[in-house]
């Protein structure tokens, strides 16, 4: 969500950086925003009942189907009807567990949970930085926030 206009106000104080600078450190990720970004990217699949996060074998795409219809308009409509669900979040959590990735599910909003974790020293279970899409974490007092990851 973010605070309107805060990114613009913060711009003079932001430095370009790379996630590799945090190698060996624990970071907190606002994964809900990534789930939303992924849902928008897979809007057609989600709207038609597919599960794009599942690993699949090779698929065949028929060129004749790609050129018919109003593709861009359809994609826009698909994006409007797709939302991240609790089931999607549970599936992502299951995949993270399978891969041994440590994660915390915030009881309500991720922002205060991430702010709390960033206030604790890493050696005591805290995080060195937060990766997010919006500016709210600065207002919560996080010392190091990475925005707009490519």
Protein backbone atom coordinates (compact mmCIF):
# COMPACT_ATOMS: atom_id res chain seq x y z
CA UNK A 1 0.00 0.00 0.00
CA UNK A 2 2.49 2.64 1.08
CA UNK A 3 2.23 6.26 2.12
CA UNK A 4 1.38 8.53 -0.80
CA UNK A 5 4.33 10.68 -1.80
CA UNK A 6 6.80 9.25 0.73
CA UNK A 7 9.06 7.66 -1.89
CA UNK A 8 9.50 11.08 -3.49
CA UNK A 9 10.38 12.68 -0.15
CA UNK A 10 12.86 9.89 0.63
CA UNK A 11 14.54 9.87 -2.80
CA UNK A 12 17.38 12.28 -1.85
CA UNK A 13 18.24 10.00 1.08
CA UNK A 14 18.16 6.73 -0.82
CA UNK A 15 21.29 5.08 -2.14
CA UNK A 16 21.43 2.55 -4.95
CA UNK A 17 22.46 -0.84 -3.61
CA UNK A 18 22.43 -4.51 -4.48
CA UNK A 19 21.03 -7.38 -2.47
CA UNK A 20 24.47 -9.08 -2.57
CA UNK A 21 25.58 -6.48 -0.01
CA UNK A 22 23.44 -8.43 2.45
CA UNK A 23 25.04 -11.80 1.74
CA UNK A 24 25.43 -13.69 5.00
CA UNK A 25 22.83 -11.56 6.77
CA UNK A 26 19.21 -12.28 7.66
CA UNK A 27 16.68 -10.11 5.88
CA UNK A 28 12.95 -9.74 6.21
CA UNK A 29 10.82 -9.80 3.08
CA UNK A 30 7.31 -8.46 2.75
CA UNK A 31 6.34 -11.52 0.74
CA UNK A 32 2.69 -10.50 0.44
CA UNK A 33 3.68 -7.77 -2.03
CA UNK A 34 5.67 -10.36 -4.02
CA UNK A 35 2.65 -12.67 -4.01
CA UNK A 36 0.58 -9.83 -5.46
CA UNK A 37 3.19 -9.12 -8.12
CA UNK A 38 3.32 -12.81 -9.02
CA UNK A 39 -0.48 -12.99 -9.14
CA UNK A 40 -0.61 -10.09 -11.58
CA UNK A 41 2.04 -11.77 -13.75
CA UNK A 42 0.07 -15.02 -13.76
CA UNK A 43 -3.40 -13.45 -13.89
CA UNK A 44 -4.61 -15.51 -16.86
CA UNK A 45 -3.54 -18.81 -15.31
CA UNK A 46 -5.05 -17.98 -11.93
CA UNK A 47 -8.31 -16.73 -13.43
CA UNK A 48 -8.69 -19.95 -15.42
CA UNK A 49 -7.99 -22.18 -12.42
CA UNK A 50 -4.39 -23.14 -13.20
CA UNK A 51 -1.72 -23.26 -10.52
CA UNK A 52 1.28 -21.53 -12.11
CA UNK A 53 3.54 -22.13 -9.12
CA UNK A 54 3.48 -25.89 -9.58
CA UNK A 55 6.37 -27.40 -11.45
CA UNK A 56 5.21 -28.82 -14.76
CA UNK A 57 6.64 -30.75 -17.61
CA UNK A 58 7.14 -29.18 -21.00
CA UNK A 59 4.09 -27.42 -22.34
CA UNK A 60 3.14 -26.86 -25.94
CA UNK A 61 1.69 -23.54 -26.95
CA UNK A 62 -0.31 -23.42 -30.15
CA UNK A 63 0.56 -20.31 -32.20
CA UNK A 64 -2.97 -20.14 -33.64
CA UNK A 65 -4.32 -19.51 -30.15
CA UNK A 66 -1.87 -16.71 -29.48
CA UNK A 67 -3.04 -14.48 -32.33
CA UNK A 68 -6.78 -14.78 -31.89
CA UNK A 69 -8.84 -12.46 -29.75
CA UNK A 70 -8.01 -9.24 -27.95
CA UNK A 71 -5.06 -10.42 -25.86
CA UNK A 72 -4.24 -7.13 -24.10
CA UNK A 73 -7.84 -6.43 -23.13
CA UNK A 74 -8.24 -9.96 -21.84
CA UNK A 75 -5.06 -9.66 -19.74
CA UNK A 76 -6.37 -6.42 -18.21
CA UNK A 77 -9.64 -8.08 -17.24
CA UNK A 78 -7.81 -11.10 -15.81
CA UNK A 79 -5.66 -8.78 -13.68
CA UNK A 80 -8.79 -7.15 -12.23
CA UNK A 81 -10.33 -10.43 -11.15
CA UNK A 82 -7.29 -12.04 -9.50
CA UNK A 83 -6.40 -11.61 -5.86
CA UNK A 84 -3.97 -13.36 -3.55
CA UNK A 85 -5.76 -15.90 -1.37
CA UNK A 86 -4.88 -17.56 1.92
CA UNK A 87 -4.52 -20.84 0.01
CA UNK A 88 -1.84 -19.29 -2.20
CA UNK A 89 0.04 -18.05 0.85
CA UNK A 90 -0.19 -21.51 2.46
CA UNK A 91 1.20 -23.10 -0.71
CA UNK A 92 4.11 -20.66 -0.76
CA UNK A 93 4.78 -21.40 2.93
CA UNK A 94 4.78 -25.13 2.16
CA UNK A 95 7.31 -24.61 -0.65
CA UNK A 96 9.53 -22.53 1.65
CA UNK A 97 9.40 -25.26 4.32
CA UNK A 98 10.35 -27.89 1.73
CA UNK A 99 13.40 -25.83 0.81
CA UNK A 100 14.42 -25.11 4.41
CA UNK A 101 13.78 -21.36 4.19
CA UNK A 102 13.11 -19.75 7.55
CA UNK A 103 10.02 -17.55 7.63
CA UNK A 104 7.57 -15.92 10.01
CA UNK A 105 3.90 -15.37 9.26
CA UNK A 106 2.84 -12.06 10.78
CA UNK A 107 -0.31 -12.35 12.92
CA UNK A 108 -1.86 -9.30 11.25
CA UNK A 109 0.16 -6.96 9.03
CA UNK A 110 3.72 -7.69 7.94
CA UNK A 111 4.97 -4.11 8.42
CA UNK A 112 4.93 -4.00 12.25
CA UNK A 113 6.34 -7.54 12.43
CA UNK A 114 9.20 -6.62 10.10
CA UNK A 115 9.82 -3.38 12.00
CA UNK A 116 10.01 -5.33 15.26
CA UNK A 117 12.46 -7.85 13.76
CA UNK A 118 14.62 -5.02 12.41
CA UNK A 119 14.84 -3.50 15.90
CA UNK A 120 16.45 -6.68 17.28
CA UNK A 121 20.16 -7.37 16.71
CA UNK A 122 20.78 -10.16 14.20
CA UNK A 123 22.62 -12.25 16.77
CA UNK A 124 19.40 -12.26 18.84
CA UNK A 125 17.12 -13.28 15.95
CA UNK A 126 16.63 -9.93 14.26
CA UNK A 127 17.14 -8.92 10.66
CA UNK A 128 19.68 -6.64 8.97
CA UNK A 129 17.26 -5.17 6.42
CA UNK A 130 13.75 -5.31 5.04
CA UNK A 131 12.86 -5.89 1.40
CA UNK A 132 9.50 -4.39 0.47
CA UNK A 133 7.60 -2.58 -2.27
CA UNK A 134 6.14 0.24 -0.21
CA UNK A 135 7.44 2.97 2.03
CA UNK A 136 5.55 2.12 5.24
CA UNK A 137 8.57 0.42 6.80
CA UNK A 138 10.46 3.72 7.00
CA UNK A 139 7.58 5.21 9.00
CA UNK A 140 7.80 2.19 11.31
CA UNK A 141 11.45 3.01 12.00
CA UNK A 142 13.31 0.35 10.01
CA UNK A 143 16.94 1.36 9.62
CA UNK A 144 17.64 -0.32 6.28
CA UNK A 145 14.95 -0.87 3.67
CA UNK A 146 15.42 -2.10 0.12
CA UNK A 147 12.70 -0.86 -2.22
CA UNK A 148 11.70 -1.75 -5.74
CA UNK A 149 13.66 -4.95 -6.27
CA UNK A 150 14.04 -5.91 -9.93
